[in-house]
Amino acid sequence: AWPPLDTVYTVILERGTIYDGTGSAPFVADVGLIGDRIA
């Protein structure tokens, strides 16, 4: 499930170009981490 709107992330990486590891074309997005996982 999408994290609740009031979630506090450990780290947010803003506006990076995402290469997701699958070989798919990159896209721009934020990445939020909570603890040891990508949230």
ModelCIF file with pLDDT and N, C-alpha, C, O atoms, coordinates in Angstrom:
data_MODEL
#
_entry.id   MODEL 
#
_entity.id                         1 
_entity.type                       polymer 
_entity.pdbx_number_of_molecules   1 
#
_entity_poly.entity_id                      1 
_entity_poly.type                           'polypeptide(L)' 
_entity_poly.nstd_linkage                   no 
_entity_poly.nstd_monomer                   no 
_entity_poly.pdbx_seq_one_letter_code       AWPPLDTVYTVILERGTIYDGTGSAPFVADVGLIGDRIA 
_entity_poly.pdbx_seq_one_letter_code_can   AWPPLDTVYTVILERGTIYDGTGSAPFVADVGLIGDRIA 
_entity_poly.pdbx_strand_id                 A 
#
loop_
_entity_poly_seq.entity_id 
_entity_poly_seq.num 
_entity_poly_seq.mon_id 
_entity_poly_seq.hetero 
1 1  ALA n 
1 2  TRP n 
1 3  PRO n 
1 4  PRO n 
1 5  LEU n 
1 6  ASP n 
1 7  THR n 
1 8  VAL n 
1 9  TYR n 
1 10 THR n 
1 11 VAL n 
1 12 ILE n 
1 13 LEU n 
1 14 GLU n 
1 15 ARG n 
1 16 GLY n 
1 17 THR n 
1 18 ILE n 
1 19 TYR n 
1 20 ASP n 
1 21 GLY n 
1 22 THR n 
1 23 GLY n 
1 24 SER n 
1 25 ALA n 
1 26 PRO n 
1 27 PHE n 
1 28 VAL n 
1 29 ALA n 
1 30 ASP n 
1 31 VAL n 
1 32 GLY n 
1 33 LEU n 
1 34 ILE n 
1 35 GLY n 
1 36 ASP n 
1 37 ARG n 
1 38 ILE n 
1 39 ALA n 
#
_struct_asym.id          A 
_struct_asym.entity_id   1 
#
loop_
_ma_qa_metric.id 
_ma_qa_metric.mode 
_ma_qa_metric.name 
_ma_qa_metric.software_group_id 
_ma_qa_metric.type 
1 global pLDDT . pLDDT 
2 local  pLDDT . pLDDT 
#
_ma_qa_metric_global.metric_id      1 
_ma_qa_metric_global.metric_value   91.69 
_ma_qa_metric_global.model_id       1 
_ma_qa_metric_global.ordinal_id     1 
#
loop_
_ma_qa_metric_local.label_asym_id 
_ma_qa_metric_local.label_comp_id 
_ma_qa_metric_local.label_seq_id 
_ma_qa_metric_local.metric_id 
_ma_qa_metric_local.metric_value 
_ma_qa_metric_local.model_id 
_ma_qa_metric_local.ordinal_id 
A ALA 1  2 54.00 1 1  
A TRP 2  2 56.00 1 2  
A PRO 3  2 67.00 1 3  
A PRO 4  2 67.00 1 4  
A LEU 5  2 57.00 1 5  
A ASP 6  2 66.00 1 6  
A THR 7  2 83.00 1 7  
A VAL 8  2 91.00 1 8  
A TYR 9  2 97.00 1 9  
A THR 10 2 97.00 1 10 
A VAL 11 2 98.00 1 11 
A ILE 12 2 98.00 1 12 
A LEU 13 2 98.00 1 13 
A GLU 14 2 98.00 1 14 
A ARG 15 2 98.00 1 15 
A GLY 16 2 98.00 1 16 
A THR 17 2 98.00 1 17 
A ILE 18 2 98.00 1 18 
A TYR 19 2 98.00 1 19 
A ASP 20 2 98.00 1 20 
A GLY 21 2 98.00 1 21 
A THR 22 2 98.00 1 22 
A GLY 23 2 98.00 1 23 
A SER 24 2 98.00 1 24 
A ALA 25 2 98.00 1 25 
A PRO 26 2 98.00 1 26 
A PHE 27 2 98.00 1 27 
A VAL 28 2 98.00 1 28 
A ALA 29 2 98.00 1 29 
A ASP 30 2 98.00 1 30 
A VAL 31 2 98.00 1 31 
A GLY 32 2 98.00 1 32 
A LEU 33 2 98.00 1 33 
A ILE 34 2 98.00 1 34 
A GLY 35 2 97.00 1 35 
A ASP 36 2 98.00 1 36 
A ARG 37 2 98.00 1 37 
A ILE 38 2 98.00 1 38 
A ALA 39 2 98.00 1 39 
#
loop_
_atom_site.group_PDB 
_atom_site.id 
_atom_site.type_symbol 
_atom_site.label_atom_id 
_atom_site.label_alt_id 
_atom_site.label_comp_id 
_atom_site.label_asym_id 
_atom_site.label_entity_id 
_atom_site.label_seq_id 
_atom_site.pdbx_PDB_ins_code 
_atom_site.Cartn_x 
_atom_site.Cartn_y 
_atom_site.Cartn_z 
_atom_site.occupancy 
_atom_site.B_iso_or_equiv 
_atom_site.pdbx_formal_charge 
_atom_site.auth_seq_id 
_atom_site.auth_comp_id 
_atom_site.auth_asym_id 
_atom_site.auth_atom_id 
_atom_site.pdbx_PDB_model_num 
ATOM 1   N N  . ALA A 1 1  ? 0.840  -1.201 0.000   1.00 54.00 ? 1  ALA A N  1 
ATOM 2   C CA . ALA A 1 1  ? 0.000  0.000  0.000   1.00 54.00 ? 1  ALA A CA 1 
ATOM 3   C C  . ALA A 1 1  ? 0.874  1.249  0.000   1.00 54.00 ? 1  ALA A C  1 
ATOM 4   O O  . ALA A 1 1  ? 1.963  1.256  0.574   1.00 54.00 ? 1  ALA A O  1 
ATOM 5   N N  . TRP A 1 2  ? 0.382  2.315  -0.656  1.00 56.00 ? 2  TRP A N  1 
ATOM 6   C CA . TRP A 1 2  ? 1.104  3.598  -0.659  1.00 56.00 ? 2  TRP A CA 1 
ATOM 7   C C  . TRP A 1 2  ? 1.203  4.111  0.781   1.00 56.00 ? 2  TRP A C  1 
ATOM 8   O O  . TRP A 1 2  ? 0.222  4.053  1.522   1.00 56.00 ? 2  TRP A O  1 
ATOM 9   N N  . PRO A 1 3  ? 2.382  4.613  1.187   1.00 67.00 ? 3  PRO A N  1 
ATOM 10  C CA . PRO A 1 3  ? 2.521  5.080  2.569   1.00 67.00 ? 3  PRO A CA 1 
ATOM 11  C C  . PRO A 1 3  ? 1.511  6.178  2.891   1.00 67.00 ? 3  PRO A C  1 
ATOM 12  O O  . PRO A 1 3  ? 1.132  6.948  2.008   1.00 67.00 ? 3  PRO A O  1 
ATOM 13  N N  . PRO A 1 4  ? 1.073  6.255  4.147   1.00 67.00 ? 4  PRO A N  1 
ATOM 14  C CA . PRO A 1 4  ? 0.149  7.322  4.540   1.00 67.00 ? 4  PRO A CA 1 
ATOM 15  C C  . PRO A 1 4  ? 0.730  8.694  4.240   1.00 67.00 ? 4  PRO A C  1 
ATOM 16  O O  . PRO A 1 4  ? 1.947  8.871  4.204   1.00 67.00 ? 4  PRO A O  1 
ATOM 17  N N  . LEU A 1 5  ? -0.160 9.668  4.022   1.00 57.00 ? 5  LEU A N  1 
ATOM 18  C CA . LEU A 1 5  ? 0.271  11.009 3.645   1.00 57.00 ? 5  LEU A CA 1 
ATOM 19  C C  . LEU A 1 5  ? 1.143  11.667 4.706   1.00 57.00 ? 5  LEU A C  1 
ATOM 20  O O  . LEU A 1 5  ? 1.969  12.523 4.388   1.00 57.00 ? 5  LEU A O  1 
ATOM 21  N N  . ASP A 1 6  ? 0.965  11.272 5.971   1.00 66.00 ? 6  ASP A N  1 
ATOM 22  C CA . ASP A 1 6  ? 1.744  11.898 7.040   1.00 66.00 ? 6  ASP A CA 1 
ATOM 23  C C  . ASP A 1 6  ? 3.021  11.128 7.357   1.00 66.00 ? 6  ASP A C  1 
ATOM 24  O O  . ASP A 1 6  ? 3.640  11.362 8.396   1.00 66.00 ? 6  ASP A O  1 
ATOM 25  N N  . THR A 1 7  ? 3.428  10.207 6.470   1.00 83.00 ? 7  THR A N  1 
ATOM 26  C CA . THR A 1 7  ? 4.645  9.430  6.684   1.00 83.00 ? 7  THR A CA 1 
ATOM 27  C C  . THR A 1 7  ? 5.864  10.338 6.742   1.00 83.00 ? 7  THR A C  1 
ATOM 28  O O  . THR A 1 7  ? 5.985  11.273 5.951   1.00 83.00 ? 7  THR A O  1 
ATOM 29  N N  . VAL A 1 8  ? 6.768  10.062 7.677   1.00 91.00 ? 8  VAL A N  1 
ATOM 30  C CA . VAL A 1 8  ? 8.054  10.752 7.747   1.00 91.00 ? 8  VAL A CA 1 
ATOM 31  C C  . VAL A 1 8  ? 9.115  9.769  7.241   1.00 91.00 ? 8  VAL A C  1 
ATOM 32  O O  . VAL A 1 8  ? 9.349  8.725  7.850   1.00 91.00 ? 8  VAL A O  1 
ATOM 33  N N  . TYR A 1 9  ? 9.743  10.113 6.138   1.00 97.00 ? 9  TYR A N  1 
ATOM 34  C CA . TYR A 1 9  ? 10.747 9.244  5.535   1.00 97.00 ? 9  TYR A CA 1 
ATOM 35  C C  . TYR A 1 9  ? 12.103 9.441  6.213   1.00 97.00 ? 9  TYR A C  1 
ATOM 36  O O  . TYR A 1 9  ? 12.421 10.521 6.711   1.00 97.00 ? 9  TYR A O  1 
ATOM 37  N N  . THR A 1 10 ? 12.876 8.384  6.215   1.00 97.00 ? 10 THR A N  1 
ATOM 38  C CA . THR A 1 10 ? 14.247 8.498  6.703   1.00 97.00 ? 10 THR A CA 1 
ATOM 39  C C  . THR A 1 10 ? 15.056 9.386  5.759   1.00 97.00 ? 10 THR A C  1 
ATOM 40  O O  . THR A 1 10 ? 15.775 10.287 6.191   1.00 97.00 ? 10 THR A O  1 
ATOM 41  N N  . VAL A 1 11 ? 14.920 9.109  4.460   1.00 98.00 ? 11 VAL A N  1 
ATOM 42  C CA . VAL A 1 11 ? 15.641 9.850  3.422   1.00 98.00 ? 11 VAL A CA 1 
ATOM 43  C C  . VAL A 1 11 ? 14.707 10.040 2.241   1.00 98.00 ? 11 VAL A C  1 
ATOM 44  O O  . VAL A 1 11 ? 13.954 9.132  1.890   1.00 98.00 ? 11 VAL A O  1 
ATOM 45  N N  . ILE A 1 12 ? 14.752 11.206 1.631   1.00 98.00 ? 12 ILE A N  1 
ATOM 46  C CA . ILE A 1 12 ? 14.117 11.416 0.334   1.00 98.00 ? 12 ILE A CA 1 
ATOM 47  C C  . ILE A 1 12 ? 15.179 11.926 -0.631  1.00 98.00 ? 12 ILE A C  1 
ATOM 48  O O  . ILE A 1 12 ? 15.856 12.919 -0.364  1.00 98.00 ? 12 ILE A O  1 
ATOM 49  N N  . LEU A 1 13 ? 15.314 11.227 -1.760  1.00 98.00 ? 13 LEU A N  1 
ATOM 50  C CA . LEU A 1 13 ? 16.187 11.646 -2.854  1.00 98.00 ? 13 LEU A CA 1 
ATOM 51  C C  . LEU A 1 13 ? 15.300 12.330 -3.885  1.00 98.00 ? 13 LEU A C  1 
ATOM 52  O O  . LEU A 1 13 ? 14.463 11.686 -4.518  1.00 98.00 ? 13 LEU A O  1 
ATOM 53  N N  . GLU A 1 14 ? 15.486 13.637 -4.050  1.00 98.00 ? 14 GLU A N  1 
ATOM 54  C CA . GLU A 1 14 ? 14.579 14.443 -4.858  1.00 98.00 ? 14 GLU A CA 1 
ATOM 55  C C  . GLU A 1 14 ? 15.021 14.541 -6.314  1.00 98.00 ? 14 GLU A C  1 
ATOM 56  O O  . GLU A 1 14 ? 16.179 14.835 -6.611  1.00 98.00 ? 14 GLU A O  1 
ATOM 57  N N  . ARG A 1 15 ? 14.070 14.287 -7.218  1.00 98.00 ? 15 ARG A N  1 
ATOM 58  C CA . ARG A 1 15 ? 14.185 14.624 -8.639  1.00 98.00 ? 15 ARG A CA 1 
ATOM 59  C C  . ARG A 1 15 ? 15.375 13.950 -9.326  1.00 98.00 ? 15 ARG A C  1 
ATOM 60  O O  . ARG A 1 15 ? 15.972 14.520 -10.239 1.00 98.00 ? 15 ARG A O  1 
ATOM 61  N N  . GLY A 1 16 ? 15.712 12.753 -8.892  1.00 98.00 ? 16 GLY A N  1 
ATOM 62  C CA . GLY A 1 16 ? 16.770 12.028 -9.578  1.00 98.00 ? 16 GLY A CA 1 
ATOM 63  C C  . GLY A 1 16 ? 16.268 11.337 -10.827 1.00 98.00 ? 16 GLY A C  1 
ATOM 64  O O  . GLY A 1 16 ? 15.065 11.145 -10.999 1.00 98.00 ? 16 GLY A O  1 
ATOM 65  N N  . THR A 1 17 ? 17.188 10.962 -11.696 1.00 98.00 ? 17 THR A N  1 
ATOM 66  C CA . THR A 1 17 ? 16.846 10.177 -12.880 1.00 98.00 ? 17 THR A CA 1 
ATOM 67  C C  . THR A 1 17 ? 16.965 8.704  -12.503 1.00 98.00 ? 17 THR A C  1 
ATOM 68  O O  . THR A 1 17 ? 18.061 8.214  -12.232 1.00 98.00 ? 17 THR A O  1 
ATOM 69  N N  . ILE A 1 18 ? 15.843 8.009  -12.488 1.00 98.00 ? 18 ILE A N  1 
ATOM 70  C CA . ILE A 1 18 ? 15.761 6.658  -11.938 1.00 98.00 ? 18 ILE A CA 1 
ATOM 71  C C  . ILE A 1 18 ? 16.117 5.615  -12.992 1.00 98.00 ? 18 ILE A C  1 
ATOM 72  O O  . ILE A 1 18 ? 15.467 5.512  -14.032 1.00 98.00 ? 18 ILE A O  1 
ATOM 73  N N  . TYR A 1 19 ? 17.158 4.849  -12.701 1.00 98.00 ? 19 TYR A N  1 
ATOM 74  C CA . TYR A 1 19 ? 17.491 3.649  -13.468 1.00 98.00 ? 19 TYR A CA 1 
ATOM 75  C C  . TYR A 1 19 ? 17.170 2.481  -12.543 1.00 98.00 ? 19 TYR A C  1 
ATOM 76  O O  . TYR A 1 19 ? 17.927 2.202  -11.614 1.00 98.00 ? 19 TYR A O  1 
ATOM 77  N N  . ASP A 1 20 ? 16.062 1.802  -12.785 1.00 98.00 ? 20 ASP A N  1 
ATOM 78  C CA . ASP A 1 20 ? 15.521 0.903  -11.765 1.00 98.00 ? 20 ASP A CA 1 
ATOM 79  C C  . ASP A 1 20 ? 16.165 -0.475 -11.718 1.00 98.00 ? 20 ASP A C  1 
ATOM 80  O O  . ASP A 1 20 ? 15.794 -1.300 -10.883 1.00 98.00 ? 20 ASP A O  1 
ATOM 81  N N  . GLY A 1 21 ? 17.131 -0.739 -12.606 1.00 98.00 ? 21 GLY A N  1 
ATOM 82  C CA . GLY A 1 21 ? 17.828 -2.018 -12.592 1.00 98.00 ? 21 GLY A CA 1 
ATOM 83  C C  . GLY A 1 21 ? 17.249 -3.064 -13.512 1.00 98.00 ? 21 GLY A C  1 
ATOM 84  O O  . GLY A 1 21 ? 17.851 -4.123 -13.689 1.00 98.00 ? 21 GLY A O  1 
ATOM 85  N N  . THR A 1 22 ? 16.091 -2.800 -14.107 1.00 98.00 ? 22 THR A N  1 
ATOM 86  C CA . THR A 1 22 ? 15.457 -3.774 -14.993 1.00 98.00 ? 22 THR A CA 1 
ATOM 87  C C  . THR A 1 22 ? 15.886 -3.630 -16.444 1.00 98.00 ? 22 THR A C  1 
ATOM 88  O O  . THR A 1 22 ? 15.594 -4.494 -17.270 1.00 98.00 ? 22 THR A O  1 
ATOM 89  N N  . GLY A 1 23 ? 16.580 -2.534 -16.757 1.00 98.00 ? 23 GLY A N  1 
ATOM 90  C CA . GLY A 1 23 ? 16.916 -2.231 -18.140 1.00 98.00 ? 23 GLY A CA 1 
ATOM 91  C C  . GLY A 1 23 ? 15.911 -1.334 -18.811 1.00 98.00 ? 23 GLY A C  1 
ATOM 92  O O  . GLY A 1 23 ? 16.084 -0.967 -19.974 1.00 98.00 ? 23 GLY A O  1 
ATOM 93  N N  . SER A 1 24 ? 14.858 -0.971 -18.098 1.00 98.00 ? 24 SER A N  1 
ATOM 94  C CA . SER A 1 24 ? 13.851 -0.065 -18.649 1.00 98.00 ? 24 SER A CA 1 
ATOM 95  C C  . SER A 1 24 ? 14.407 1.347  -18.776 1.00 98.00 ? 24 SER A C  1 
ATOM 96  O O  . SER A 1 24 ? 15.396 1.706  -18.136 1.00 98.00 ? 24 SER A O  1 
ATOM 97  N N  . ALA A 1 25 ? 13.742 2.144  -19.625 1.00 98.00 ? 25 ALA A N  1 
ATOM 98  C CA . ALA A 1 25 ? 14.175 3.529  -19.821 1.00 98.00 ? 25 ALA A CA 1 
ATOM 99  C C  . ALA A 1 25 ? 14.080 4.302  -18.505 1.00 98.00 ? 25 ALA A C  1 
ATOM 100 O O  . ALA A 1 25 ? 13.184 4.041  -17.703 1.00 98.00 ? 25 ALA A O  1 
ATOM 101 N N  . PRO A 1 26 ? 14.985 5.244  -18.275 1.00 98.00 ? 26 PRO A N  1 
ATOM 102 C CA . PRO A 1 26 ? 14.965 6.012  -17.032 1.00 98.00 ? 26 PRO A CA 1 
ATOM 103 C C  . PRO A 1 26 ? 13.806 6.994  -16.983 1.00 98.00 ? 26 PRO A C  1 
ATOM 104 O O  . PRO A 1 26 ? 13.234 7.352  -18.013 1.00 98.00 ? 26 PRO A O  1 
ATOM 105 N N  . PHE A 1 27 ? 13.469 7.423  -15.780 1.00 98.00 ? 27 PHE A N  1 
ATOM 106 C CA . PHE A 1 27 ? 12.434 8.438  -15.585 1.00 98.00 ? 27 PHE A CA 1 
ATOM 107 C C  . PHE A 1 27 ? 12.802 9.258  -14.348 1.00 98.00 ? 27 PHE A C  1 
ATOM 108 O O  . PHE A 1 27 ? 13.596 8.819  -13.516 1.00 98.00 ? 27 PHE A O  1 
ATOM 109 N N  . VAL A 1 28 ? 12.229 10.425 -14.239 1.00 98.00 ? 28 VAL A N  1 
ATOM 110 C CA . VAL A 1 28 ? 12.532 11.334 -13.137 1.00 98.00 ? 28 VAL A CA 1 
ATOM 111 C C  . VAL A 1 28 ? 11.491 11.163 -12.040 1.00 98.00 ? 28 VAL A C  1 
ATOM 112 O O  . VAL A 1 28 ? 10.290 11.197 -12.307 1.00 98.00 ? 28 VAL A O  1 
ATOM 113 N N  . ALA A 1 29 ? 11.950 10.981 -10.810 1.00 98.00 ? 29 ALA A N  1 
ATOM 114 C CA . ALA A 1 29 ? 11.046 10.825 -9.673  1.00 98.00 ? 29 ALA A CA 1 
ATOM 115 C C  . ALA A 1 29 ? 11.827 11.008 -8.384  1.00 98.00 ? 29 ALA A C  1 
ATOM 116 O O  . ALA A 1 29 ? 13.056 11.079 -8.393  1.00 98.00 ? 29 ALA A O  1 
ATOM 117 N N  . ASP A 1 30 ? 11.101 11.085 -7.277  1.00 98.00 ? 30 ASP A N  1 
ATOM 118 C CA . ASP A 1 30 ? 11.698 11.082 -5.950  1.00 98.00 ? 30 ASP A CA 1 
ATOM 119 C C  . ASP A 1 30 ? 11.730 9.655  -5.424  1.00 98.00 ? 30 ASP A C  1 
ATOM 120 O O  . ASP A 1 30 ? 10.897 8.827  -5.794  1.00 98.00 ? 30 ASP A O  1 
ATOM 121 N N  . VAL A 1 31 ? 12.692 9.376  -4.564  1.00 98.00 ? 31 VAL A N  1 
ATOM 122 C CA . VAL A 1 31 ? 12.787 8.057  -3.917  1.00 98.00 ? 31 VAL A CA 1 
ATOM 123 C C  . VAL A 1 31 ? 12.793 8.282  -2.414  1.00 98.00 ? 31 VAL A C  1 
ATOM 124 O O  . VAL A 1 31 ? 13.616 9.030  -1.885  1.00 98.00 ? 31 VAL A O  1 
ATOM 125 N N  . GLY A 1 32 ? 11.861 7.621  -1.735  1.00 98.00 ? 32 GLY A N  1 
ATOM 126 C CA . GLY A 1 32 ? 11.774 7.740  -0.290  1.00 98.00 ? 32 GLY A CA 1 
ATOM 127 C C  . GLY A 1 32 ? 12.177 6.457  0.404   1.00 98.00 ? 32 GLY A C  1 
ATOM 128 O O  . GLY A 1 32 ? 11.702 5.378  0.049   1.00 98.00 ? 32 GLY A O  1 
ATOM 129 N N  . LEU A 1 33 ? 13.059 6.568  1.402   1.00 98.00 ? 33 LEU A N  1 
ATOM 130 C CA . LEU A 1 33 ? 13.521 5.428  2.177   1.00 98.00 ? 33 LEU A CA 1 
ATOM 131 C C  . LEU A 1 33 ? 12.961 5.504  3.586   1.00 98.00 ? 33 LEU A C  1 
ATOM 132 O O  . LEU A 1 33 ? 12.893 6.577  4.186   1.00 98.00 ? 33 LEU A O  1 
ATOM 133 N N  . ILE A 1 34 ? 12.565 4.364  4.099   1.00 98.00 ? 34 ILE A N  1 
ATOM 134 C CA . ILE A 1 34 ? 12.187 4.247  5.508   1.00 98.00 ? 34 ILE A CA 1 
ATOM 135 C C  . ILE A 1 34 ? 12.906 3.029  6.074   1.00 98.00 ? 34 ILE A C  1 
ATOM 136 O O  . ILE A 1 34 ? 12.687 1.903  5.627   1.00 98.00 ? 34 ILE A O  1 
ATOM 137 N N  . GLY A 1 35 ? 13.754 3.262  7.050   1.00 97.00 ? 35 GLY A N  1 
ATOM 138 C CA . GLY A 1 35 ? 14.524 2.162  7.605   1.00 97.00 ? 35 GLY A CA 1 
ATOM 139 C C  . GLY A 1 35 ? 15.410 1.540  6.551   1.00 97.00 ? 35 GLY A C  1 
ATOM 140 O O  . GLY A 1 35 ? 16.154 2.245  5.869   1.00 97.00 ? 35 GLY A O  1 
ATOM 141 N N  . ASP A 1 36 ? 15.340 0.216  6.405   1.00 98.00 ? 36 ASP A N  1 
ATOM 142 C CA . ASP A 1 36 ? 16.207 -0.473 5.452   1.00 98.00 ? 36 ASP A CA 1 
ATOM 143 C C  . ASP A 1 36 ? 15.541 -0.737 4.109   1.00 98.00 ? 36 ASP A C  1 
ATOM 144 O O  . ASP A 1 36 ? 16.065 -1.497 3.295   1.00 98.00 ? 36 ASP A O  1 
ATOM 145 N N  . ARG A 1 37 ? 14.377 -0.108 3.869   1.00 98.00 ? 37 ARG A N  1 
ATOM 146 C CA . ARG A 1 37 ? 13.628 -0.394 2.640   1.00 98.00 ? 37 ARG A CA 1 
ATOM 147 C C  . ARG A 1 37 ? 13.324 0.871  1.849   1.00 98.00 ? 37 ARG A C  1 
ATOM 148 O O  . ARG A 1 37 ? 13.276 1.978  2.386   1.00 98.00 ? 37 ARG A O  1 
ATOM 149 N N  . ILE A 1 38 ? 13.120 0.662  0.557   1.00 98.00 ? 38 ILE A N  1 
ATOM 150 C CA . ILE A 1 38 ? 12.565 1.713  -0.287  1.00 98.00 ? 38 ILE A CA 1 
ATOM 151 C C  . ILE A 1 38 ? 11.065 1.749  -0.012  1.00 98.00 ? 38 ILE A C  1 
ATOM 152 O O  . ILE A 1 38 ? 10.374 0.741  -0.161  1.00 98.00 ? 38 ILE A O  1 
ATOM 153 N N  . ALA A 1 39 ? 10.567 2.915  0.391   1.00 98.00 ? 39 ALA A N  1 
ATOM 154 C CA . ALA A 1 39 ? 9.154  3.021  0.774   1.00 98.00 ? 39 ALA A CA 1 
ATOM 155 C C  . ALA A 1 39 ? 8.287  3.572  -0.337  1.00 98.00 ? 39 ALA A C  1 
ATOM 156 O O  . ALA A 1 39 ? 7.077  3.718  -0.162  1.00 98.00 ? 39 ALA A O  1 
#
